[in-house]
Amino acid sequence: MNSDRCASRIVHGDKVEIAKQQDLPPGEVEKTIQLFKAVSDPGRLRILNALLSQEMCVCDLAAFLDASESSVSHQLRLLRTSGLVANRREGTVLYYRSVNEHLATLLEIARKTQNNT
């Protein structure tokens, strides 16, 4: 017998109905999936964590990650299109910053969850 399944098949209609009422709208499901895809890459996760406390340019982030500026720029483009970072130009330098106010909380919860397992 599979330990992840019930020993008998009984559908609890009341529980199914509550789950349906609390279900996420399709658009929200897709947005949430995209958020988790964006933070699931190790390099992007490290970039996001670094940008939580300060603005950084591509050169700084490349040095921090020991990666090419081209690869960091590509990751930043993905993060920007996901709505997690924004940039601003100061002369010839393009600075990136975290713009999702809930990202720090999400990352903290993820770390705490992993420490409790």
Protein backbone atom coordinates (compact mmCIF):
# COMPACT_ATOMS: atom_id res chain seq x y z
CA MET A 1 0.00 0.00 0.00
CA ASN A 2 1.19 3.52 -0.86
CA SER A 3 1.89 5.51 2.32
CA ASP A 4 0.82 8.75 0.57
CA ARG A 5 -2.72 7.53 -0.17
CA CYS A 6 -5.78 6.73 1.91
CA ALA A 7 -6.47 3.09 2.63
CA SER A 8 -10.08 3.65 1.54
CA ARG A 9 -11.47 5.98 -1.12
CA ILE A 10 -13.90 8.48 0.42
CA VAL A 11 -14.43 11.95 -1.07
CA HIS A 12 -15.31 14.53 1.58
CA GLY A 13 -17.52 16.90 -0.43
CA ASP A 14 -17.48 19.66 2.18
CA LYS A 15 -13.68 19.80 2.14
CA VAL A 16 -13.59 19.78 -1.66
CA GLU A 17 -16.07 22.67 -1.76
CA ILE A 18 -14.02 24.75 0.70
CA ALA A 19 -10.88 24.09 -1.36
CA LYS A 20 -12.71 25.21 -4.53
CA GLN A 21 -13.86 28.42 -2.83
CA GLN A 22 -10.30 29.19 -1.71
CA ASP A 23 -8.66 28.21 -5.00
CA LEU A 24 -6.41 30.73 -6.72
CA PRO A 25 -7.66 32.41 -9.90
CA PRO A 26 -5.85 31.13 -13.04
CA GLY A 27 -3.96 34.42 -13.59
CA GLU A 28 -2.72 34.39 -10.01
CA VAL A 29 -1.52 30.81 -10.37
CA GLU A 30 0.59 31.77 -13.39
CA LYS A 31 2.06 34.86 -11.67
CA THR A 32 3.00 32.79 -8.63
CA ILE A 33 4.61 30.12 -10.79
CA GLN A 34 6.67 32.79 -12.60
CA LEU A 35 7.82 34.24 -9.26
CA PHE A 36 9.05 30.88 -8.02
CA LYS A 37 10.70 30.12 -11.36
CA ALA A 38 12.54 33.44 -11.15
CA VAL A 39 13.92 32.74 -7.68
CA SER A 40 14.64 29.05 -8.34
CA ASP A 41 17.95 29.72 -10.12
CA PRO A 42 20.95 29.91 -7.72
CA GLY A 43 22.48 32.94 -9.44
CA ARG A 44 19.21 34.87 -9.55
CA LEU A 45 18.51 34.01 -5.93
CA ARG A 46 21.92 35.35 -4.90
CA ILE A 47 21.38 38.49 -6.99
CA LEU A 48 18.00 39.10 -5.36
CA ASN A 49 19.43 38.58 -1.90
CA ALA A 50 22.27 41.04 -2.61
CA LEU A 51 19.82 43.63 -3.95
CA LEU A 52 17.63 43.49 -0.87
CA SER A 53 20.03 45.70 1.06
CA GLN A 54 21.56 47.93 -1.64
CA GLU A 55 21.59 48.97 -5.27
CA MET A 56 24.29 47.36 -7.39
CA CYS A 57 25.42 47.65 -10.99
CA VAL A 58 26.06 44.73 -13.34
CA CYS A 59 29.83 45.03 -12.81
CA ASP A 60 29.44 44.77 -9.03
CA LEU A 61 27.08 41.82 -9.29
CA ALA A 62 29.38 40.04 -11.75
CA ALA A 63 32.30 40.46 -9.33
CA PHE A 64 30.14 39.27 -6.44
CA LEU A 65 29.02 36.15 -8.32
CA ASP A 66 32.36 35.60 -10.06
CA ALA A 67 30.42 35.48 -13.32
CA SER A 68 30.51 37.29 -16.64
CA GLU A 69 28.73 40.61 -16.97
CA SER A 70 26.83 39.16 -19.92
CA SER A 71 25.38 36.28 -17.87
CA VAL A 72 24.51 38.61 -14.97
CA SER A 73 22.86 41.02 -17.38
CA HIS A 74 20.77 38.16 -18.77
CA GLN A 75 19.67 37.13 -15.27
CA LEU A 76 18.82 40.74 -14.41
CA ARG A 77 16.68 41.01 -17.54
CA LEU A 78 14.70 37.95 -16.41
CA LEU A 79 14.30 39.40 -12.92
CA ARG A 80 13.22 42.75 -14.34
CA THR A 81 10.58 41.20 -16.61
CA SER A 82 9.35 39.21 -13.59
CA GLY A 83 8.84 42.47 -11.72
CA LEU A 84 11.38 41.68 -9.01
CA VAL A 85 14.02 44.29 -9.82
CA ALA A 86 14.14 47.69 -11.47
CA ASN A 87 17.01 49.82 -12.67
CA ARG A 88 17.98 53.45 -12.81
CA ARG A 89 20.72 55.16 -14.74
CA GLU A 90 23.22 57.47 -13.10
CA GLY A 91 25.47 58.81 -15.84
CA THR A 92 26.94 55.77 -17.54
CA VAL A 93 26.15 53.38 -14.69
CA LEU A 94 22.93 51.35 -14.53
CA TYR A 95 21.99 50.46 -10.95
CA TYR A 96 19.60 47.64 -10.07
CA ARG A 97 17.45 47.36 -6.95
CA SER A 98 14.84 45.03 -5.52
CA VAL A 99 11.32 46.38 -6.00
CA ASN A 100 9.15 43.60 -4.60
CA GLU A 101 8.37 44.61 -1.04
CA HIS A 102 7.46 41.03 -0.07
CA LEU A 103 10.59 39.36 -1.45
CA ALA A 104 12.61 39.72 1.76
CA THR A 105 9.78 38.10 3.73
CA LEU A 106 9.44 35.29 1.19
CA LEU A 107 13.16 34.52 1.30
CA GLU A 108 13.20 34.67 5.10
CA ILE A 109 10.29 32.23 5.30
CA ALA A 110 12.04 29.90 2.86
CA ARG A 111 15.24 29.93 4.94
CA LYS A 112 13.34 29.35 8.19
CA THR A 113 11.36 26.51 6.62
CA GLN A 114 14.56 24.83 5.46
CA ASN A 115 16.14 25.23 8.90
CA ASN A 116 13.13 23.52 10.53
CA THR A 117 13.31 20.37 8.38
